[in-house]
Amino acid sequence: MTIFSRICIVRSTIALTLSLIAMSFSIKAQSRSLRLNLNYRSSGNGLGVIIVPQVSLCRNSNELSFGINFQQNRMNISGFQTNYNFVFYKGSIGLYAFYDIAYFKKCYLGKGIAKFETSVRPEFKSYYENLRLNVIDQHAGFGIRFYYSNYCFSYASISTGASCTMGTYDSSRFRSRDRYSGSLSLNVGISFKIFKRDEIVIPNKIGQSRL
């Protein structure tokens, strides 16, 4: 074997090694999963506790959830909600930031608000009990998760935002509720993973290869 051939082999080996090292940094592991959530939320909109069964589409640290709202006091369907979560820490516990927006259609007042308003103005008791409201909420905040296994965790979160009551609404009859107001929201719930797929993505000049 000539010296020139040896040099070529060494150069090829070095180039291949460097290529593998560069590839090792560009390889990305991606995890996709589907989750079912049962969420309980209470906020400053005066509608009481809302139960929200949700479906979550998850990809790595990003999660997008869709759910239907039920008022706990009457279990009536009352709109829908969507959430975006970003998980920025995951260990024995998880930490995440999130944004949610919810639309409530023909909701009753929460029992606590209705009772308080009736105590102040008892002549409007029937009005408070039968009033139906359309409300839009949006909140942003932070939450914590407690992992029990790879398939189940519970969570709790707190957020701040705003609440807007739409349509015909006589705010002069209320002492504790405005048409537009700031809102604090508390959430607790549990989540179950029902599907998961892991894959490795290797970028290249043409596109991406998946393993």
N, C-alpha and C. Protein backbone atom coordinates (compact mmCIF):
# COMPACT_ATOMS: atom_id res chain seq x y z
N MET A 1 0.85 -1.20 0.00
CA MET A 1 0.00 0.00 0.00
C MET A 1 0.89 1.25 0.00
N THR A 2 0.65 2.13 -0.92
CA THR A 2 1.48 3.32 -1.04
C THR A 2 1.16 4.33 0.07
N ILE A 3 2.05 5.29 0.24
CA ILE A 3 1.83 6.34 1.24
C ILE A 3 0.60 7.16 0.87
N PHE A 4 0.43 7.40 -0.43
CA PHE A 4 -0.72 8.18 -0.89
C PHE A 4 -2.03 7.48 -0.54
N SER A 5 -2.07 6.16 -0.70
CA SER A 5 -3.28 5.39 -0.37
C SER A 5 -3.56 5.46 1.13
N ARG A 6 -2.52 5.37 1.95
CA ARG A 6 -2.70 5.46 3.40
C ARG A 6 -3.24 6.83 3.81
N ILE A 7 -2.72 7.87 3.17
CA ILE A 7 -3.20 9.22 3.48
C ILE A 7 -4.68 9.35 3.13
N CYS A 8 -5.04 8.79 1.99
CA CYS A 8 -6.45 8.85 1.57
C CYS A 8 -7.35 8.12 2.55
N ILE A 9 -6.90 6.95 3.03
CA ILE A 9 -7.70 6.18 4.00
C ILE A 9 -7.85 6.95 5.30
N VAL A 10 -6.75 7.57 5.76
CA VAL A 10 -6.81 8.35 7.01
C VAL A 10 -7.76 9.53 6.85
N ARG A 11 -7.65 10.22 5.70
CA ARG A 11 -8.53 11.37 5.47
C ARG A 11 -10.00 10.93 5.41
N SER A 12 -10.26 9.82 4.77
CA SER A 12 -11.64 9.32 4.68
C SER A 12 -12.17 8.94 6.06
N THR A 13 -11.30 8.31 6.86
CA THR A 13 -11.71 7.91 8.22
C THR A 13 -12.02 9.13 9.07
N ILE A 14 -11.18 10.15 8.99
CA ILE A 14 -11.41 11.38 9.75
C ILE A 14 -12.70 12.05 9.31
N ALA A 15 -12.92 12.12 7.99
CA ALA A 15 -14.13 12.75 7.46
C ALA A 15 -15.39 12.01 7.91
N LEU A 16 -15.31 10.66 7.88
CA LEU A 16 -16.45 9.86 8.31
C LEU A 16 -16.72 10.05 9.79
N THR A 17 -15.65 10.09 10.59
CA THR A 17 -15.80 10.29 12.03
C THR A 17 -16.44 11.63 12.34
N LEU A 18 -15.96 12.67 11.67
CA LEU A 18 -16.53 14.00 11.88
C LEU A 18 -17.99 14.07 11.45
N SER A 19 -18.31 13.38 10.36
CA SER A 19 -19.70 13.35 9.89
C SER A 19 -20.60 12.67 10.90
N LEU A 20 -20.13 11.56 11.47
CA LEU A 20 -20.93 10.86 12.49
C LEU A 20 -21.11 11.70 13.74
N ILE A 21 -20.05 12.42 14.12
CA ILE A 21 -20.16 13.29 15.29
C ILE A 21 -21.18 14.39 15.04
N ALA A 22 -21.10 15.01 13.86
CA ALA A 22 -22.06 16.07 13.51
C ALA A 22 -23.48 15.53 13.47
N MET A 23 -23.64 14.32 12.93
CA MET A 23 -24.96 13.71 12.85
C MET A 23 -25.52 13.42 14.23
N SER A 24 -24.64 13.02 15.15
CA SER A 24 -25.09 12.69 16.50
C SER A 24 -25.69 13.91 17.19
N PHE A 25 -25.18 15.11 16.84
CA PHE A 25 -25.73 16.33 17.42
C PHE A 25 -27.03 16.75 16.74
N SER A 26 -27.24 16.35 15.50
CA SER A 26 -28.43 16.77 14.76
C SER A 26 -29.58 15.78 14.87
N ILE A 27 -29.31 14.55 15.34
CA ILE A 27 -30.37 13.57 15.51
C ILE A 27 -31.31 14.02 16.62
N LYS A 28 -32.59 14.01 16.35
CA LYS A 28 -33.57 14.44 17.33
C LYS A 28 -34.56 13.31 17.60
N ALA A 29 -34.73 13.01 18.88
CA ALA A 29 -35.74 12.03 19.28
C ALA A 29 -37.07 12.76 19.45
N GLN A 30 -38.10 12.28 18.82
CA GLN A 30 -39.42 12.89 18.92
C GLN A 30 -40.40 11.92 19.54
N SER A 31 -41.19 12.44 20.45
CA SER A 31 -42.19 11.63 21.12
C SER A 31 -43.56 12.24 20.85
N ARG A 32 -44.46 11.41 20.33
CA ARG A 32 -45.83 11.85 20.09
C ARG A 32 -46.77 10.97 20.89
N SER A 33 -47.78 11.62 21.49
CA SER A 33 -48.72 10.85 22.30
C SER A 33 -50.10 11.50 22.27
N LEU A 34 -51.06 10.71 22.66
CA LEU A 34 -52.45 11.14 22.77
C LEU A 34 -52.90 10.89 24.21
N ARG A 35 -53.49 11.91 24.83
CA ARG A 35 -53.89 11.80 26.23
C ARG A 35 -55.36 12.16 26.42
N LEU A 36 -55.95 11.58 27.44
CA LEU A 36 -57.29 11.95 27.89
C LEU A 36 -57.16 12.62 29.26
N ASN A 37 -57.75 13.80 29.41
CA ASN A 37 -57.66 14.56 30.65
C ASN A 37 -59.05 14.78 31.24
N LEU A 38 -59.11 14.84 32.56
CA LEU A 38 -60.31 15.28 33.25
C LEU A 38 -59.92 16.46 34.11
N ASN A 39 -60.40 17.65 33.72
CA ASN A 39 -59.96 18.90 34.33
C ASN A 39 -61.09 19.57 35.09
N TYR A 40 -60.79 20.05 36.29
CA TYR A 40 -61.73 20.85 37.08
C TYR A 40 -61.17 22.26 37.18
N ARG A 41 -61.97 23.25 36.80
CA ARG A 41 -61.50 24.63 36.83
C ARG A 41 -62.51 25.55 37.49
N SER A 42 -61.99 26.54 38.17
CA SER A 42 -62.83 27.57 38.76
C SER A 42 -62.12 28.90 38.55
N SER A 43 -62.87 29.90 38.09
CA SER A 43 -62.26 31.19 37.80
C SER A 43 -63.17 32.30 38.28
N GLY A 44 -62.75 33.54 38.01
CA GLY A 44 -63.50 34.69 38.48
C GLY A 44 -64.67 35.07 37.60
N ASN A 45 -65.12 34.19 36.72
CA ASN A 45 -66.24 34.54 35.84
C ASN A 45 -67.60 34.35 36.50
N GLY A 46 -67.63 33.79 37.71
CA GLY A 46 -68.89 33.65 38.44
C GLY A 46 -69.75 32.48 38.00
N LEU A 47 -69.18 31.53 37.25
CA LEU A 47 -69.96 30.39 36.74
C LEU A 47 -69.78 29.13 37.58
N GLY A 48 -69.01 29.23 38.64
CA GLY A 48 -68.80 28.06 39.49
C GLY A 48 -67.75 27.13 38.92
N VAL A 49 -67.76 25.89 39.42
CA VAL A 49 -66.79 24.89 39.00
C VAL A 49 -67.19 24.33 37.63
N ILE A 50 -66.22 24.27 36.73
CA ILE A 50 -66.44 23.75 35.38
C ILE A 50 -65.64 22.46 35.23
N ILE A 51 -66.30 21.40 34.76
CA ILE A 51 -65.64 20.12 34.48
C ILE A 51 -65.35 20.05 32.99
N VAL A 52 -64.10 19.75 32.65
CA VAL A 52 -63.70 19.77 31.24
C VAL A 52 -62.99 18.47 30.87
N PRO A 53 -63.69 17.49 30.28
CA PRO A 53 -62.99 16.34 29.69
C PRO A 53 -62.29 16.79 28.41
N GLN A 54 -61.02 16.39 28.26
CA GLN A 54 -60.22 16.89 27.15
C GLN A 54 -59.46 15.77 26.45
N VAL A 55 -59.13 16.03 25.20
CA VAL A 55 -58.19 15.22 24.43
C VAL A 55 -56.96 16.07 24.17
N SER A 56 -55.76 15.54 24.46
CA SER A 56 -54.52 16.28 24.28
C SER A 56 -53.66 15.62 23.21
N LEU A 57 -53.19 16.42 22.27
CA LEU A 57 -52.22 15.99 21.26
C LEU A 57 -50.85 16.50 21.70
N CYS A 58 -49.91 15.60 21.92
CA CYS A 58 -48.63 15.96 22.52
C CYS A 58 -47.48 15.62 21.57
N ARG A 59 -46.53 16.53 21.48
CA ARG A 59 -45.32 16.30 20.71
C ARG A 59 -44.15 16.90 21.46
N ASN A 60 -43.29 16.05 21.99
CA ASN A 60 -42.19 16.48 22.83
C ASN A 60 -42.72 17.34 23.98
N SER A 61 -42.31 18.60 24.05
CA SER A 61 -42.73 19.47 25.16
C SER A 61 -43.98 20.28 24.85
N ASN A 62 -44.53 20.12 23.66
CA ASN A 62 -45.69 20.91 23.24
C ASN A 62 -46.96 20.08 23.30
N GLU A 63 -48.01 20.67 23.86
CA GLU A 63 -49.28 19.97 24.01
C GLU A 63 -50.44 20.89 23.65
N LEU A 64 -51.36 20.38 22.88
CA LEU A 64 -52.56 21.12 22.48
C LEU A 64 -53.78 20.31 22.87
N SER A 65 -54.69 20.92 23.64
CA SER A 65 -55.83 20.19 24.19
C SER A 65 -57.14 20.84 23.75
N PHE A 66 -58.15 19.99 23.56
CA PHE A 66 -59.50 20.43 23.23
C PHE A 66 -60.48 19.73 24.16
N GLY A 67 -61.47 20.49 24.67
CA GLY A 67 -62.42 19.88 25.58
C GLY A 67 -63.77 20.55 25.57
N ILE A 68 -64.75 19.90 26.18
CA ILE A 68 -66.12 20.39 26.31
C ILE A 68 -66.38 20.77 27.76
N ASN A 69 -67.02 21.91 27.96
CA ASN A 69 -67.31 22.41 29.31
C ASN A 69 -68.64 21.87 29.84
N PHE A 70 -68.62 21.45 31.10
CA PHE A 70 -69.83 21.08 31.82
C PHE A 70 -69.85 21.85 33.13
N GLN A 71 -70.99 22.48 33.45
CA GLN A 71 -71.12 23.12 34.75
C GLN A 71 -71.41 22.06 35.80
N GLN A 72 -70.63 22.07 36.88
CA GLN A 72 -70.77 21.02 37.89
C GLN A 72 -72.13 21.06 38.59
N ASN A 73 -72.66 22.28 38.82
CA ASN A 73 -73.90 22.35 39.61
C ASN A 73 -75.11 21.80 38.88
N ARG A 74 -75.10 21.80 37.52
CA ARG A 74 -76.24 21.26 36.76
C ARG A 74 -75.83 20.27 35.69
N MET A 75 -74.54 20.07 35.50
CA MET A 75 -74.00 19.14 34.50
C MET A 75 -74.56 19.39 33.10
N ASN A 76 -74.75 20.65 32.77
CA ASN A 76 -75.19 21.01 31.43
C ASN A 76 -73.98 21.32 30.56
N ILE A 77 -74.05 20.92 29.30
CA ILE A 77 -72.99 21.26 28.35
C ILE A 77 -73.00 22.77 28.13
N SER A 78 -71.85 23.38 28.27
CA SER A 78 -71.83 24.85 28.27
C SER A 78 -70.63 25.42 27.53
N GLY A 79 -70.34 24.89 26.35
CA GLY A 79 -69.27 25.47 25.56
C GLY A 79 -68.06 24.57 25.42
N PHE A 80 -66.92 25.17 25.11
CA PHE A 80 -65.71 24.40 24.87
C PHE A 80 -64.49 25.18 25.32
N GLN A 81 -63.37 24.50 25.35
CA GLN A 81 -62.12 25.10 25.82
C GLN A 81 -60.95 24.51 25.07
N THR A 82 -59.91 25.32 24.82
CA THR A 82 -58.68 24.82 24.23
C THR A 82 -57.49 25.35 25.03
N ASN A 83 -56.46 24.51 25.15
CA ASN A 83 -55.26 24.86 25.92
C ASN A 83 -54.01 24.59 25.10
N TYR A 84 -52.99 25.40 25.34
CA TYR A 84 -51.65 25.09 24.85
C TYR A 84 -50.72 25.04 26.06
N ASN A 85 -50.02 23.92 26.23
CA ASN A 85 -49.07 23.74 27.32
C ASN A 85 -47.66 23.58 26.77
N PHE A 86 -46.69 24.15 27.47
CA PHE A 86 -45.29 23.92 27.15
C PHE A 86 -44.60 23.41 28.41
N VAL A 87 -44.14 22.17 28.37
CA VAL A 87 -43.48 21.54 29.53
C VAL A 87 -42.00 21.90 29.48
N PHE A 88 -41.54 22.70 30.45
CA PHE A 88 -40.14 23.13 30.43
C PHE A 88 -39.28 22.40 31.44
N TYR A 89 -39.88 21.53 32.26
CA TYR A 89 -39.09 20.68 33.16
C TYR A 89 -39.87 19.39 33.41
N LYS A 90 -39.17 18.27 33.33
CA LYS A 90 -39.80 16.99 33.60
C LYS A 90 -38.82 16.08 34.33
N GLY A 91 -39.20 15.70 35.53
CA GLY A 91 -38.44 14.76 36.35
C GLY A 91 -39.43 13.91 37.12
N SER A 92 -39.24 13.80 38.44
CA SER A 92 -40.26 13.14 39.25
C SER A 92 -41.53 13.98 39.29
N ILE A 93 -41.37 15.29 39.11
CA ILE A 93 -42.49 16.20 38.91
C ILE A 93 -42.27 16.93 37.59
N GLY A 94 -43.28 17.61 37.11
CA GLY A 94 -43.16 18.37 35.88
C GLY A 94 -43.63 19.80 36.09
N LEU A 95 -43.03 20.74 35.39
CA LEU A 95 -43.43 22.14 35.44
C LEU A 95 -43.77 22.60 34.03
N TYR A 96 -44.82 23.38 33.89
CA TYR A 96 -45.23 23.81 32.56
C TYR A 96 -45.85 25.19 32.60
N ALA A 97 -45.79 25.86 31.47
CA ALA A 97 -46.49 27.13 31.26
C ALA A 97 -47.64 26.86 30.28
N PHE A 98 -48.69 27.65 30.37
CA PHE A 98 -49.84 27.36 29.51
C PHE A 98 -50.66 28.62 29.22
N TYR A 99 -51.45 28.50 28.17
CA TYR A 99 -52.45 29.52 27.81
C TYR A 99 -53.74 28.78 27.47
N ASP A 100 -54.86 29.30 27.94
CA ASP A 100 -56.13 28.68 27.58
C ASP A 100 -57.15 29.75 27.22
N ILE A 101 -58.09 29.35 26.39
CA ILE A 101 -59.22 30.21 26.04
C ILE A 101 -60.47 29.34 26.06
N ALA A 102 -61.52 29.85 26.68
CA ALA A 102 -62.75 29.08 26.85
C ALA A 102 -63.95 29.93 26.46
N TYR A 103 -64.92 29.26 25.85
CA TYR A 103 -66.18 29.90 25.49
C TYR A 103 -67.30 29.18 26.23
N PHE A 104 -68.10 29.95 26.97
CA PHE A 104 -69.21 29.39 27.73
C PHE A 104 -70.52 29.86 27.12
N LYS A 105 -71.38 28.92 26.79
CA LYS A 105 -72.64 29.21 26.11
C LYS A 105 -73.83 28.90 27.02
N LYS A 106 -74.66 29.91 27.28
CA LYS A 106 -75.88 29.76 28.08
C LYS A 106 -75.60 29.09 29.42
N CYS A 107 -74.66 29.65 30.16
CA CYS A 107 -74.29 29.12 31.48
C CYS A 107 -75.13 29.76 32.58
N TYR A 108 -75.40 28.99 33.61
CA TYR A 108 -76.04 29.51 34.80
C TYR A 108 -74.99 30.15 35.71
N LEU A 109 -75.43 31.03 36.58
CA LEU A 109 -74.54 31.55 37.60
C LEU A 109 -74.10 30.42 38.53
N GLY A 110 -72.89 30.53 39.06
CA GLY A 110 -72.45 29.57 40.07
C GLY A 110 -73.30 29.70 41.33
N LYS A 111 -73.41 28.61 42.08
CA LYS A 111 -74.28 28.61 43.27
C LYS A 111 -73.86 29.68 44.27
N GLY A 112 -72.54 29.85 44.45
CA GLY A 112 -72.07 30.83 45.42
C GLY A 112 -72.43 32.25 45.04
N ILE A 113 -72.24 32.59 43.76
CA ILE A 113 -72.57 33.93 43.28
C ILE A 113 -74.08 34.18 43.36
N ALA A 114 -74.87 33.20 42.91
CA ALA A 114 -76.33 33.35 42.95
C ALA A 114 -76.83 33.52 44.38
N LYS A 115 -76.25 32.78 45.31
CA LYS A 115 -76.67 32.88 46.72
C LYS A 115 -76.30 34.25 47.29
N PHE A 116 -75.09 34.72 46.97
CA PHE A 116 -74.68 36.03 47.48
C PHE A 116 -75.55 37.14 46.91
N GLU A 117 -75.78 37.14 45.61
CA GLU A 117 -76.57 38.20 44.99
C GLU A 117 -78.01 38.17 45.51
N THR A 118 -78.55 36.98 45.74
CA THR A 118 -79.92 36.86 46.27
C THR A 118 -79.99 37.42 47.68
N SER A 119 -78.94 37.22 48.48
CA SER A 119 -78.94 37.75 49.85
C SER A 119 -78.92 39.27 49.87
N VAL A 120 -78.32 39.88 48.84
CA VAL A 120 -78.26 41.34 48.75
C VAL A 120 -79.57 41.90 48.19
N ARG A 121 -80.10 41.24 47.15
CA ARG A 121 -81.33 41.72 46.51
C ARG A 121 -82.28 40.53 46.32
N PRO A 122 -82.96 40.13 47.37
CA PRO A 122 -83.83 38.93 47.30
C PRO A 122 -84.96 39.05 46.30
N GLU A 123 -85.34 40.27 45.92
CA GLU A 123 -86.44 40.43 44.96
C GLU A 123 -86.07 39.92 43.58
N PHE A 124 -84.76 39.72 43.33
CA PHE A 124 -84.31 39.21 42.03
C PHE A 124 -83.88 37.74 42.09
N LYS A 125 -84.34 37.02 43.07
CA LYS A 125 -83.93 35.62 43.24
C LYS A 125 -84.19 34.80 41.99
N SER A 126 -85.39 34.91 41.42
CA SER A 126 -85.73 34.15 40.22
C SER A 126 -84.84 34.54 39.04
N TYR A 127 -84.51 35.82 38.96
CA TYR A 127 -83.64 36.31 37.88
C TYR A 127 -82.26 35.66 37.97
N TYR A 128 -81.67 35.61 39.17
CA TYR A 128 -80.35 35.03 39.35
C TYR A 128 -80.35 33.52 39.08
N GLU A 129 -81.42 32.85 39.45
CA GLU A 129 -81.47 31.39 39.30
C GLU A 129 -81.66 30.97 37.85
N ASN A 130 -82.30 31.81 37.05
CA ASN A 130 -82.61 31.42 35.67
C ASN A 130 -81.78 32.14 34.62
N LEU A 131 -80.93 33.05 35.03
CA LEU A 131 -80.12 33.80 34.09
C LEU A 131 -79.16 32.88 33.34
N ARG A 132 -79.05 33.07 32.02
CA ARG A 132 -78.10 32.32 31.19
C ARG A 132 -77.12 33.30 30.57
N LEU A 133 -75.83 32.98 30.67
CA LEU A 133 -74.79 33.90 30.24
C LEU A 133 -73.90 33.30 29.17
N ASN A 134 -73.41 34.15 28.28
CA ASN A 134 -72.39 33.77 27.31
C ASN A 134 -71.10 34.50 27.68
N VAL A 135 -70.04 33.73 27.90
CA VAL A 135 -68.81 34.31 28.46
C VAL A 135 -67.60 33.78 27.70
N ILE A 136 -66.62 34.65 27.50
CA ILE A 136 -65.32 34.23 26.97
C ILE A 136 -64.25 34.51 28.03
N ASP A 137 -63.44 33.51 28.31
CA ASP A 137 -62.33 33.61 29.27
C ASP A 137 -61.02 33.33 28.55
N GLN A 138 -59.96 33.96 29.01
CA GLN A 138 -58.63 33.55 28.57
C GLN A 138 -57.66 33.78 29.73
N HIS A 139 -56.75 32.83 29.90
CA HIS A 139 -55.81 32.87 31.01
C HIS A 139 -54.43 32.38 30.58
N ALA A 140 -53.41 32.82 31.28
CA ALA A 140 -52.05 32.32 31.11
C ALA A 140 -51.45 32.12 32.48
N GLY A 141 -50.68 31.04 32.65
CA GLY A 141 -50.12 30.78 33.96
C GLY A 141 -49.15 29.61 33.97
N PHE A 142 -48.95 29.06 35.15
CA PHE A 142 -47.98 27.98 35.34
C PHE A 142 -48.63 26.85 36.15
N GLY A 143 -48.12 25.64 35.93
CA GLY A 143 -48.67 24.49 36.62
C GLY A 143 -47.59 23.49 37.02
N ILE A 144 -47.99 22.54 37.85
CA ILE A 144 -47.09 21.49 38.32
C ILE A 144 -47.77 20.14 38.11
N ARG A 145 -46.97 19.12 37.77
CA ARG A 145 -47.49 17.78 37.55
C ARG A 145 -46.82 16.80 38.51
N PHE A 146 -47.58 15.77 38.87
CA PHE A 146 -47.06 14.71 39.72
C PHE A 146 -47.22 13.39 38.96
N TYR A 147 -46.10 12.81 38.56
CA TYR A 147 -46.12 11.61 37.73
C TYR A 147 -46.21 10.36 38.60
N TYR A 148 -47.17 9.49 38.29
CA TYR A 148 -47.33 8.22 38.99
C TYR A 148 -46.77 7.07 38.16
N SER A 149 -46.73 7.24 36.86
CA SER A 149 -46.15 6.26 35.94
C SER A 149 -45.94 6.97 34.62
N ASN A 150 -45.50 6.24 33.60
CA ASN A 150 -45.35 6.83 32.27
C ASN A 150 -46.69 7.11 31.60
N TYR A 151 -47.76 6.63 32.22
CA TYR A 151 -49.08 6.73 31.60
C TYR A 151 -50.08 7.57 32.38
N CYS A 152 -49.70 8.07 33.53
CA CYS A 152 -50.67 8.79 34.36
C CYS A 152 -49.99 9.87 35.20
N PHE A 153 -50.60 11.03 35.26
CA PHE A 153 -50.15 12.07 36.18
C PHE A 153 -51.34 12.95 36.57
N SER A 154 -51.22 13.58 37.73
CA SER A 154 -52.18 14.59 38.14
C SER A 154 -51.51 15.95 38.05
N TYR A 155 -52.30 17.01 38.08
CA TYR A 155 -51.73 18.33 37.90
C TYR A 155 -52.56 19.39 38.61
N ALA A 156 -51.93 20.52 38.85
CA ALA A 156 -52.59 21.68 39.43
C ALA A 156 -51.94 22.92 38.83
N SER A 157 -52.74 23.97 38.63
CA SER A 157 -52.20 25.18 38.01
C SER A 157 -52.94 26.40 38.50
N ILE A 158 -52.30 27.54 38.32
CA ILE A 158 -52.90 28.83 38.65
C ILE A 158 -52.58 29.79 37.52
N SER A 159 -53.52 30.66 37.19
CA SER A 159 -53.32 31.57 36.06
C SER A 159 -54.14 32.83 36.26
N THR A 160 -53.76 33.86 35.54
CA THR A 160 -54.51 35.12 35.55
C THR A 160 -54.92 35.45 34.12
N GLY A 161 -56.00 36.21 34.00
CA GLY A 161 -56.48 36.56 32.68
C GLY A 161 -57.64 37.53 32.75
N ALA A 162 -58.55 37.40 31.80
CA ALA A 162 -59.69 38.31 31.70
C ALA A 162 -60.94 37.54 31.33
N SER A 163 -62.07 38.09 31.74
CA SER A 163 -63.37 37.49 31.46
C SER A 163 -64.29 38.54 30.84
N CYS A 164 -65.01 38.14 29.80
CA CYS A 164 -65.91 39.06 29.11
C CYS A 164 -67.28 38.41 28.94
N THR A 165 -68.33 39.06 29.44
CA THR A 165 -69.70 38.58 29.28
C THR A 165 -70.33 39.26 28.07
N MET A 166 -70.85 38.47 27.16
CA MET A 166 -71.38 38.99 25.91
C MET A 166 -72.91 39.03 25.93
N GLY A 167 -73.48 39.73 24.97
CA GLY A 167 -74.93 39.76 24.83
C GLY A 167 -75.60 40.67 25.84
N THR A 168 -76.91 40.50 25.99
CA THR A 168 -77.70 41.30 26.92
C THR A 168 -77.37 40.91 28.35
N TYR A 169 -76.94 41.89 29.12
CA TYR A 169 -76.51 41.60 30.49
C TYR A 169 -76.67 42.86 31.33
N ASP A 170 -77.53 42.83 32.33
CA ASP A 170 -77.79 43.98 33.18
C ASP A 170 -76.87 43.92 34.40
N SER A 171 -75.67 44.50 34.26
CA SER A 171 -74.70 44.45 35.35
C SER A 171 -75.12 45.27 36.56
N SER A 172 -76.11 46.17 36.40
CA SER A 172 -76.56 46.98 37.54
C SER A 172 -77.24 46.13 38.61
N ARG A 173 -77.66 44.93 38.28
CA ARG A 173 -78.31 44.06 39.25
C ARG A 173 -77.31 43.23 40.06
N PHE A 174 -76.02 43.42 39.79
CA PHE A 174 -75.01 42.60 40.45
C PHE A 174 -74.10 43.46 41.33
N ARG A 175 -73.64 42.88 42.42
CA ARG A 175 -72.68 43.52 43.31
C ARG A 175 -71.31 42.86 43.21
N SER A 176 -71.25 41.67 42.64
CA SER A 176 -69.99 40.92 42.65
C SER A 176 -69.51 40.53 41.26
N ARG A 177 -70.17 41.05 40.22
CA ARG A 177 -69.83 40.59 38.88
C ARG A 177 -69.99 41.71 37.87
N ASP A 178 -68.92 41.98 37.08
CA ASP A 178 -68.94 42.99 36.03
C ASP A 178 -68.95 42.33 34.66
N ARG A 179 -69.31 43.09 33.65
CA ARG A 179 -69.29 42.56 32.28
C ARG A 179 -67.85 42.24 31.86
N TYR A 180 -66.91 43.14 32.17
CA TYR A 180 -65.50 42.91 31.87
C TYR A 180 -64.75 42.91 33.19
N SER A 181 -63.91 41.91 33.40
CA SER A 181 -63.20 41.86 34.66
C SER A 181 -61.93 41.02 34.54
N GLY A 182 -60.98 41.29 35.42
CA GLY A 182 -59.83 40.42 35.55
C GLY A 182 -60.25 39.12 36.20
N SER A 183 -59.48 38.09 35.98
CA SER A 183 -59.92 36.77 36.45
C SER A 183 -58.72 35.94 36.90
N LEU A 184 -58.87 35.29 38.05
CA LEU A 184 -57.90 34.32 38.54
C LEU A 184 -58.50 32.94 38.37
N SER A 185 -57.73 32.01 37.80
CA SER A 185 -58.24 30.67 37.52
C SER A 185 -57.41 29.62 38.23
N LEU A 186 -58.08 28.65 38.83
CA LEU A 186 -57.44 27.51 39.48
C LEU A 186 -57.88 26.24 38.77
N ASN A 187 -56.94 25.35 38.50
CA ASN A 187 -57.23 24.10 37.79
C ASN A 187 -56.59 22.93 38.50
N VAL A 188 -57.30 21.83 38.57
CA VAL A 188 -56.74 20.55 39.01
C VAL A 188 -57.29 19.48 38.08
N GLY A 189 -56.54 18.39 37.93
CA GLY A 189 -57.02 17.34 37.05
C GLY A 189 -56.11 16.14 37.03
N ILE A 190 -56.46 15.19 36.19
CA ILE A 190 -55.69 13.97 36.02
C ILE A 190 -55.64 13.64 34.53
N SER A 191 -54.53 13.05 34.09
CA SER A 191 -54.33 12.77 32.68
C SER A 191 -53.86 11.33 32.49
N PHE A 192 -54.37 10.69 31.42
CA PHE A 192 -54.01 9.32 31.09
C PHE A 192 -53.52 9.25 29.65
N LYS A 193 -52.38 8.61 29.45
CA LYS A 193 -51.85 8.42 28.11
C LYS A 193 -52.49 7.19 27.49
N ILE A 194 -53.04 7.32 26.28
CA ILE A 194 -53.68 6.18 25.62
C ILE A 194 -52.93 5.75 24.36
N PHE A 195 -51.99 6.58 23.91
CA PHE A 195 -51.21 6.23 22.71
C PHE A 195 -49.90 6.97 22.76
N LYS A 196 -48.82 6.29 22.33
CA LYS A 196 -47.51 6.93 22.27
C LYS A 196 -46.71 6.35 21.13
N ARG A 197 -45.96 7.23 20.45
CA ARG A 197 -45.08 6.81 19.38
C ARG A 197 -43.78 7.59 19.48
N ASP A 198 -42.66 6.88 19.55
CA ASP A 198 -41.34 7.50 19.58
C ASP A 198 -40.66 7.29 18.24
N GLU A 199 -39.97 8.31 17.76
CA GLU A 199 -39.24 8.19 16.51
C GLU A 199 -37.99 9.05 16.56
N ILE A 200 -37.02 8.73 15.72
CA ILE A 200 -35.79 9.49 15.62
C ILE A 200 -35.76 10.17 14.26
N VAL A 201 -35.51 11.48 14.26
CA VAL A 201 -35.46 12.26 13.04
C VAL A 201 -34.02 12.64 12.74
N ILE A 202 -33.54 12.29 11.54
CA ILE A 202 -32.18 12.61 11.11
C ILE A 202 -32.26 13.60 9.97
N PRO A 203 -31.92 14.87 10.19
CA PRO A 203 -31.95 15.85 9.10
C PRO A 203 -30.90 15.52 8.04
N ASN A 204 -31.22 15.80 6.78
CA ASN A 204 -30.25 15.67 5.72
C ASN A 204 -30.47 16.79 4.71
N LYS A 205 -29.73 16.78 3.63
CA LYS A 205 -29.80 17.90 2.68
C LYS A 205 -31.13 17.97 1.96
N ILE A 206 -31.77 16.81 1.77
CA ILE A 206 -33.01 16.78 1.00
C ILE A 206 -34.21 17.01 1.90
N GLY A 207 -34.23 16.32 3.03
CA GLY A 207 -35.38 16.43 3.92
C GLY A 207 -35.03 15.82 5.26
N GLN A 208 -35.91 15.00 5.78
CA GLN A 208 -35.68 14.37 7.06
C GLN A 208 -35.97 12.89 6.94
N SER A 209 -35.09 12.09 7.53
CA SER A 209 -35.29 10.66 7.57
C SER A 209 -35.79 10.28 8.96
N ARG A 210 -36.74 9.38 8.99
CA ARG A 210 -37.32 8.96 10.27
C ARG A 210 -37.05 7.48 10.49
N LEU A 211 -36.67 7.18 11.73
CA LEU A 211 -36.41 5.77 12.11
C LEU A 211 -37.45 5.32 13.10
